[in-house]
Amino acid sequence: MGHAHHHHHAPSGNRLGLTIALNVVITGAQVIGGLLSGSLSLLSDALHNASDVVALIISAIAEKLITRTSTPEKTFGYRRAGVVAATINSVTLMAIALLLIKEAVMRLIDPVPVSAGPVILLAILSIGVNGLCVLLLKDQAEGSLNIRSASLHLFTDMMTSVAVLAGGIAVALFGVNRLDPLLSMGIALYLIYASWALVMQSLSVLMQFTPSHIDVSDVEKAMLEEKEIRNIHHLHIWQLSDKDIHLEAHVDFHEDLPLSSVGDTLKKIEETLHHRFHITHVLLQPELEVCDDKELIADATCRSKKHEH
C-alpha cells in the first residue's frame, strides 16, 4: 500500500481569547443600551454579538480538540471538530437571522419610539470592536473553516452595527422609527446570504464530497502519467477536515514488477497528488490482473446489493 501524510498545526488560541473578552464587553453594553433606548436594531446587534461569543467559544474548544492525539478508539482523533464547529456556527447565524426577521415584522406593525443617542454611540463602539476582532483573526481565518465561521460572525456583526448606526442617525435627524426594524430585516437577509455558502461548505466536508476545487478527471490523468499504470479505479477523494484531503484508489499495473519498483511508482504518484492538488493523505492499493469493477468511481450501493445476492 502506498501512503503519505502531510500534517498541519492548529493556530494559537490567544487571539481567540482576546476576541471573546472584547465581545463579552460589547454585548453587555449593547443589551443595556438597547433596553434603555428601545432600539430593536441595537438589541438585534446585541443578540448577534452574544452569538459571536458562543461561536468563538465553540471555535476555541474545537481548536483545542483538533490538537488531541489520535487513539485506538479514535483513529482520526478530533480532526473534524473544526468542521462541526463551523457547521454549528453558520447554522446558528441563519437561525438568528430568521428570529430578527420575525421581530422586525412585529415592530413594523407596532412601531416603538427609539432614543437615537445611545444607539449611535454603541453602534460606533461595536463597529470599532468587531473590526479589531476581524483583523485579529484574519490570518487564522484564511487557513481554517472553523475560524472563518467565527470570523464571519464578527464581520456580519460589524456590518450590522453599520446599519444600526445609519438607523440611529436617521431617527435623530428625521424621527423615522420604522427605519429601525427595516434595517434589522436587511441585516437578517445579509446574515442568511453570508452564512449559506459556509453551511454548504461545512456539510460537503461532513458528507465526504469531493472538494470543489478538485476535478476527478484531472486527478486520474495525473496518476496515469506513470507509464507502469494501466488503470485507476475505486477512486475516493474527501476531506477529513478543512485542511486534510484524503485519496484512496486501486491502481492496476501493466506487469508484475518487483515490490521496490511498485513502491517507487506509488511514491511518485503520491508526490504528484500532493503538489498539484494539495492532497495530504494518499492510500493506494496496487493490483495486477485482479477481477473487479474497473470503473473510476465505483458504486458502493451496487456492490452491496451484489453481495446480498
Protein backbone atom coordinates (compact mmCIF):
# COMPACT_ATOMS: atom_id res chain seq x y z
CA MET A 1 0.00 0.00 0.00
CA GLY A 2 1.22 3.49 -0.77
CA HIS A 3 0.52 6.15 1.80
CA ALA A 4 1.61 9.70 2.52
CA HIS A 5 0.88 12.19 5.29
CA HIS A 6 1.39 15.96 5.32
CA HIS A 7 0.44 17.44 8.69
CA HIS A 8 -0.67 20.92 9.73
CA HIS A 9 -0.62 22.63 13.10
CA ALA A 10 -3.59 24.33 14.73
CA PRO A 11 -3.39 28.09 15.27
CA SER A 12 -2.82 29.60 18.70
CA GLY A 13 -5.90 30.40 20.80
CA ASN A 14 -4.50 33.64 22.29
CA ARG A 15 -6.24 35.89 19.77
CA LEU A 16 -9.46 33.92 20.12
CA GLY A 17 -9.37 34.51 23.89
CA LEU A 18 -8.90 38.27 23.45
CA THR A 19 -11.69 38.37 20.86
CA ILE A 20 -14.08 36.55 23.22
CA ALA A 21 -13.34 39.03 26.04
CA LEU A 22 -13.93 42.06 23.81
CA ASN A 23 -17.24 40.66 22.58
CA VAL A 24 -18.49 39.90 26.10
CA VAL A 25 -17.94 43.57 27.00
CA ILE A 26 -19.66 44.97 23.89
CA THR A 27 -22.60 42.56 24.24
CA GLY A 28 -23.31 43.71 27.78
CA ALA A 29 -23.11 47.37 26.74
CA GLN A 30 -25.49 46.83 23.80
CA VAL A 31 -28.08 44.97 25.86
CA ILE A 32 -28.21 47.83 28.38
CA GLY A 33 -28.23 50.45 25.61
CA GLY A 34 -30.93 48.62 23.64
CA LEU A 35 -33.23 48.34 26.64
CA LEU A 36 -32.75 51.99 27.57
CA SER A 37 -33.18 53.33 24.02
CA GLY A 38 -35.93 50.95 22.84
CA SER A 39 -33.94 50.14 19.68
CA LEU A 40 -34.68 46.74 18.14
CA SER A 41 -31.72 47.00 15.79
CA LEU A 42 -29.41 47.63 18.77
CA LEU A 43 -30.88 44.66 20.66
CA SER A 44 -30.56 42.63 17.47
CA ASP A 45 -26.93 43.63 17.28
CA ALA A 46 -26.51 42.63 20.94
CA LEU A 47 -28.08 39.23 20.20
CA HIS A 48 -25.71 38.80 17.29
CA ASN A 49 -22.77 39.79 19.49
CA ALA A 50 -23.89 37.22 22.06
CA SER A 51 -23.90 34.63 19.28
CA ASP A 52 -20.37 35.82 18.41
CA VAL A 53 -19.28 34.94 21.96
CA VAL A 54 -20.84 31.48 21.72
CA ALA A 55 -19.37 30.95 18.22
CA LEU A 56 -15.92 32.00 19.38
CA ILE A 57 -16.08 29.71 22.42
CA ILE A 58 -17.16 26.80 20.18
CA SER A 59 -14.30 27.59 17.81
CA ALA A 60 -11.80 27.80 20.67
CA ILE A 61 -12.93 24.41 22.03
CA ALA A 62 -12.71 22.91 18.53
CA GLU A 63 -9.17 24.26 18.04
CA LYS A 64 -8.14 22.56 21.30
CA LEU A 65 -9.81 19.28 20.33
CA ILE A 66 -8.11 19.25 16.91
CA THR A 67 -4.68 19.06 18.58
CA ARG A 68 -5.56 15.97 20.65
CA THR A 69 -3.62 12.84 19.84
CA SER A 70 -5.33 10.02 17.97
CA THR A 71 -6.13 6.84 19.94
CA PRO A 72 -7.06 3.25 19.02
CA GLU A 73 -10.68 4.19 19.75
CA LYS A 74 -10.47 7.45 17.80
CA THR A 75 -8.00 6.78 15.00
CA PHE A 76 -8.64 10.19 13.39
CA GLY A 77 -8.69 11.93 16.77
CA TYR A 78 -10.89 15.05 16.75
CA ARG A 79 -9.73 16.30 13.35
CA ARG A 80 -13.30 17.08 12.28
CA ALA A 81 -14.08 19.17 15.38
CA GLY A 82 -13.38 22.36 13.44
CA VAL A 83 -15.80 21.43 10.65
CA VAL A 84 -18.51 20.54 13.18
CA ALA A 85 -17.92 23.90 14.90
CA ALA A 86 -18.16 25.72 11.57
CA THR A 87 -21.46 23.96 10.81
CA ILE A 88 -22.91 24.86 14.21
CA ASN A 89 -21.79 28.49 13.91
CA SER A 90 -23.11 29.01 10.38
CA VAL A 91 -26.46 27.34 11.10
CA THR A 92 -26.78 29.46 14.24
CA LEU A 93 -26.25 32.60 12.17
CA MET A 94 -29.16 31.62 9.91
CA ALA A 95 -31.42 30.86 12.90
CA ILE A 96 -30.63 34.28 14.38
CA ALA A 97 -31.47 35.88 11.05
CA LEU A 98 -34.92 34.28 10.99
CA LEU A 99 -35.55 35.47 14.56
CA LEU A 100 -34.56 39.02 13.58
CA ILE A 101 -36.99 38.99 10.64
CA LYS A 102 -39.85 37.87 12.92
CA GLU A 103 -39.13 40.62 15.47
CA ALA A 104 -38.72 43.25 12.75
CA VAL A 105 -42.13 42.43 11.24
CA MET A 106 -43.73 42.84 14.67
CA ARG A 107 -42.05 46.22 15.11
CA LEU A 108 -43.20 47.36 11.66
CA ILE A 109 -46.78 46.54 12.64
CA ASP A 110 -46.42 48.21 16.04
CA PRO A 111 -43.62 50.84 15.93
CA VAL A 112 -41.70 51.63 19.11
CA PRO A 113 -40.07 55.04 19.78
CA VAL A 114 -36.27 54.88 19.59
CA SER A 115 -33.75 57.01 21.50
CA ALA A 116 -31.07 57.83 18.95
CA GLY A 117 -28.18 58.90 21.21
CA PRO A 118 -27.29 55.53 22.84
CA VAL A 119 -27.91 53.76 19.52
CA ILE A 120 -25.35 55.92 17.67
CA LEU A 121 -22.76 55.74 20.47
CA LEU A 122 -22.94 51.96 20.92
CA ALA A 123 -23.06 51.29 17.18
CA ILE A 124 -19.78 53.19 16.74
CA LEU A 125 -18.26 51.24 19.66
CA SER A 126 -19.40 47.93 18.17
CA ILE A 127 -18.00 48.77 14.73
CA GLY A 128 -14.61 49.50 16.27
CA VAL A 129 -14.51 46.39 18.48
CA ASN A 130 -15.73 43.96 15.82
CA GLY A 131 -13.46 45.48 13.19
CA LEU A 132 -10.50 44.95 15.51
CA CYS A 133 -11.57 41.35 16.18
CA VAL A 134 -11.88 40.59 12.45
CA LEU A 135 -8.32 41.88 11.95
CA LEU A 136 -7.06 39.79 14.88
CA LEU A 137 -8.41 36.59 13.32
CA LYS A 138 -7.70 37.44 9.67
CA ASP A 139 -4.56 35.30 9.26
CA GLN A 140 -6.07 32.28 11.02
CA ALA A 141 -9.35 32.54 9.09
CA GLU A 142 -7.56 32.07 5.76
CA GLY A 143 -6.49 28.54 6.69
CA SER A 144 -9.34 27.29 8.87
CA LEU A 145 -13.01 26.71 8.12
CA ASN A 146 -13.64 26.80 11.87
CA ILE A 147 -12.00 30.20 12.46
CA ARG A 148 -13.56 31.51 9.23
CA SER A 149 -17.03 30.73 10.60
CA ALA A 150 -16.26 32.62 13.81
CA SER A 151 -14.76 35.49 11.82
CA LEU A 152 -17.91 35.61 9.68
CA HIS A 153 -19.95 36.10 12.85
CA LEU A 154 -17.75 39.07 13.72
CA PHE A 155 -17.73 40.55 10.22
CA THR A 156 -21.51 40.35 9.84
CA ASP A 157 -21.86 41.89 13.28
CA MET A 158 -19.66 44.78 12.18
CA MET A 159 -21.91 45.25 9.14
CA THR A 160 -24.94 45.03 11.43
CA SER A 161 -23.51 47.83 13.54
CA VAL A 162 -23.02 49.99 10.43
CA ALA A 163 -26.73 49.53 9.66
CA VAL A 164 -27.64 50.29 13.29
CA LEU A 165 -25.57 53.48 13.13
CA ALA A 166 -27.36 54.56 9.95
CA GLY A 167 -30.70 53.87 11.61
CA GLY A 168 -29.77 55.85 14.71
CA ILE A 169 -28.71 58.84 12.61
CA ALA A 170 -31.96 58.64 10.60
CA VAL A 171 -34.03 58.58 13.79
CA ALA A 172 -32.08 61.54 15.21
CA LEU A 173 -32.44 63.64 12.04
CA PHE A 174 -35.90 62.64 10.75
CA GLY A 175 -37.63 60.76 13.58
CA VAL A 176 -38.32 57.75 11.33
CA ASN A 177 -38.82 54.91 13.86
CA ARG A 178 -39.86 52.35 11.24
CA LEU A 179 -36.41 52.54 9.69
CA ASP A 180 -35.02 50.65 12.71
CA PRO A 181 -36.93 47.35 12.05
CA LEU A 182 -36.42 47.74 8.28
CA LEU A 183 -32.67 47.84 8.84
CA SER A 184 -32.99 44.79 11.10
CA MET A 185 -34.66 42.90 8.25
CA GLY A 186 -31.90 43.95 5.87
CA ILE A 187 -29.30 42.78 8.38
CA ALA A 188 -31.08 39.42 8.71
CA LEU A 189 -31.19 38.86 4.96
CA TYR A 190 -27.49 39.65 4.75
CA LEU A 191 -26.79 37.11 7.52
CA ILE A 192 -28.63 34.40 5.59
CA TYR A 193 -26.72 35.26 2.42
CA ALA A 194 -23.34 35.30 4.20
CA SER A 195 -23.98 32.05 6.08
CA TRP A 196 -25.35 29.91 3.25
CA ALA A 197 -22.04 29.26 1.46
CA LEU A 198 -20.35 28.34 4.74
CA VAL A 199 -23.16 25.94 5.66
CA MET A 200 -22.88 24.21 2.28
CA GLN A 201 -19.08 24.02 2.50
CA SER A 202 -19.18 22.53 6.00
CA LEU A 203 -21.84 19.99 5.07
CA SER A 204 -19.92 18.93 1.95
CA VAL A 205 -16.95 18.06 4.17
CA LEU A 206 -19.15 16.13 6.62
CA MET A 207 -20.80 14.27 3.72
CA GLN A 208 -17.33 13.41 2.34
CA PHE A 209 -17.97 15.01 -1.04
CA THR A 210 -15.04 15.58 -3.40
CA PRO A 211 -13.53 19.02 -2.61
CA SER A 212 -14.95 21.59 -5.02
CA HIS A 213 -11.51 22.69 -6.29
CA ILE A 214 -10.52 19.17 -7.38
CA ASP A 215 -11.51 17.74 -10.78
CA VAL A 216 -11.54 13.93 -10.54
CA SER A 217 -10.70 13.50 -14.25
CA ASP A 218 -7.60 15.67 -13.79
CA VAL A 219 -6.54 13.51 -10.85
CA GLU A 220 -6.95 10.37 -12.94
CA LYS A 221 -4.86 11.84 -15.78
CA ALA A 222 -2.13 12.85 -13.35
CA MET A 223 -1.97 9.36 -11.86
CA LEU A 224 -1.90 7.71 -15.30
CA GLU A 225 1.17 9.74 -16.28
CA GLU A 226 3.20 6.97 -14.67
CA LYS A 227 3.83 4.58 -17.57
CA GLU A 228 3.64 1.50 -15.31
CA ILE A 229 -0.05 2.17 -14.54
CA ARG A 230 -2.79 0.63 -16.68
CA ASN A 231 -5.92 1.77 -14.82
CA ILE A 232 -7.18 3.73 -11.82
CA HIS A 233 -10.44 2.60 -10.22
CA HIS A 234 -12.40 2.65 -6.96
CA LEU A 235 -11.23 6.25 -6.50
CA HIS A 236 -12.42 8.24 -3.48
CA ILE A 237 -11.43 11.80 -2.62
CA TRP A 238 -12.74 13.53 0.50
CA GLN A 239 -11.81 15.98 3.23
CA LEU A 240 -11.25 14.83 6.78
CA SER A 241 -11.13 18.48 7.81
CA ASP A 242 -10.77 21.80 6.03
CA LYS A 243 -7.00 21.18 5.74
CA ASP A 244 -6.73 17.40 5.31
CA ILE A 245 -7.65 15.95 1.90
CA HIS A 246 -7.61 12.18 1.56
CA LEU A 247 -7.47 9.98 -1.53
CA GLU A 248 -7.75 6.23 -1.86
CA ALA A 249 -7.76 4.17 -5.06
CA HIS A 250 -6.98 0.81 -6.64
CA VAL A 251 -4.05 1.02 -9.08
CA ASP A 252 -3.69 -1.57 -11.87
CA PHE A 253 -0.15 -2.23 -13.10
CA HIS A 254 0.68 -3.37 -16.66
CA GLU A 255 3.09 -6.06 -15.50
CA ASP A 256 4.33 -7.94 -12.46
CA LEU A 257 7.04 -5.66 -11.02
CA PRO A 258 9.34 -6.11 -8.01
CA LEU A 259 7.89 -4.70 -4.80
CA SER A 260 10.56 -1.99 -4.70
CA SER A 261 9.55 -0.77 -8.18
CA VAL A 262 5.89 -0.75 -7.20
CA GLY A 263 6.75 1.30 -4.13
CA ASP A 264 8.74 3.82 -6.20
CA THR A 265 5.85 4.26 -8.64
CA LEU A 266 3.32 4.77 -5.86
CA LYS A 267 5.63 7.29 -4.19
CA LYS A 268 5.83 9.31 -7.41
CA ILE A 269 2.03 9.33 -7.66
CA GLU A 270 1.71 10.48 -4.04
CA GLU A 271 4.10 13.37 -4.60
CA THR A 272 2.29 14.40 -7.79
CA LEU A 273 -1.06 14.40 -5.99
CA HIS A 274 0.31 16.45 -3.13
CA HIS A 275 2.00 19.11 -5.28
CA ARG A 276 -0.75 19.50 -7.89
CA PHE A 277 -3.91 19.01 -5.83
CA HIS A 278 -2.71 19.54 -2.22
CA ILE A 279 -3.89 16.05 -1.25
CA THR A 280 -2.36 15.36 2.17
CA HIS A 281 -3.05 11.66 2.68
CA VAL A 282 -2.84 9.04 -0.10
CA LEU A 283 -3.69 5.35 0.18
CA LEU A 284 -3.16 3.27 -2.96
CA GLN A 285 -3.86 -0.43 -3.47
CA PRO A 286 -1.60 -1.88 -6.21
CA GLU A 287 -3.14 -4.66 -8.31
CA LEU A 288 -2.25 -6.93 -11.25
CA GLU A 289 -4.99 -8.68 -13.26
CA VAL A 290 -7.46 -8.56 -10.37
CA CYS A 291 -11.03 -9.27 -11.47
CA ASP A 292 -13.03 -6.38 -10.01
CA ASP A 293 -15.04 -3.34 -11.07
CA LYS A 294 -12.72 -1.16 -13.18
CA GLU A 295 -14.89 1.97 -13.06
CA LEU A 296 -13.10 5.09 -11.81
CA ILE A 297 -15.94 5.82 -9.41
CA ALA A 298 -17.32 2.53 -8.09
CA ASP A 299 -20.91 2.49 -6.81
CA ALA A 300 -20.78 1.04 -3.30
CA THR A 301 -24.57 0.64 -3.24
CA CYS A 302 -24.50 -1.63 -6.29
CA ARG A 303 -21.66 -3.69 -4.79
CA SER A 304 -23.64 -4.15 -1.57
CA LYS A 305 -26.65 -5.41 -3.49
CA LYS A 306 -24.47 -7.91 -5.39
CA HIS A 307 -23.11 -9.29 -2.11
CA GLU A 308 -26.64 -9.71 -0.76
CA HIS A 309 -27.46 -11.98 -3.71
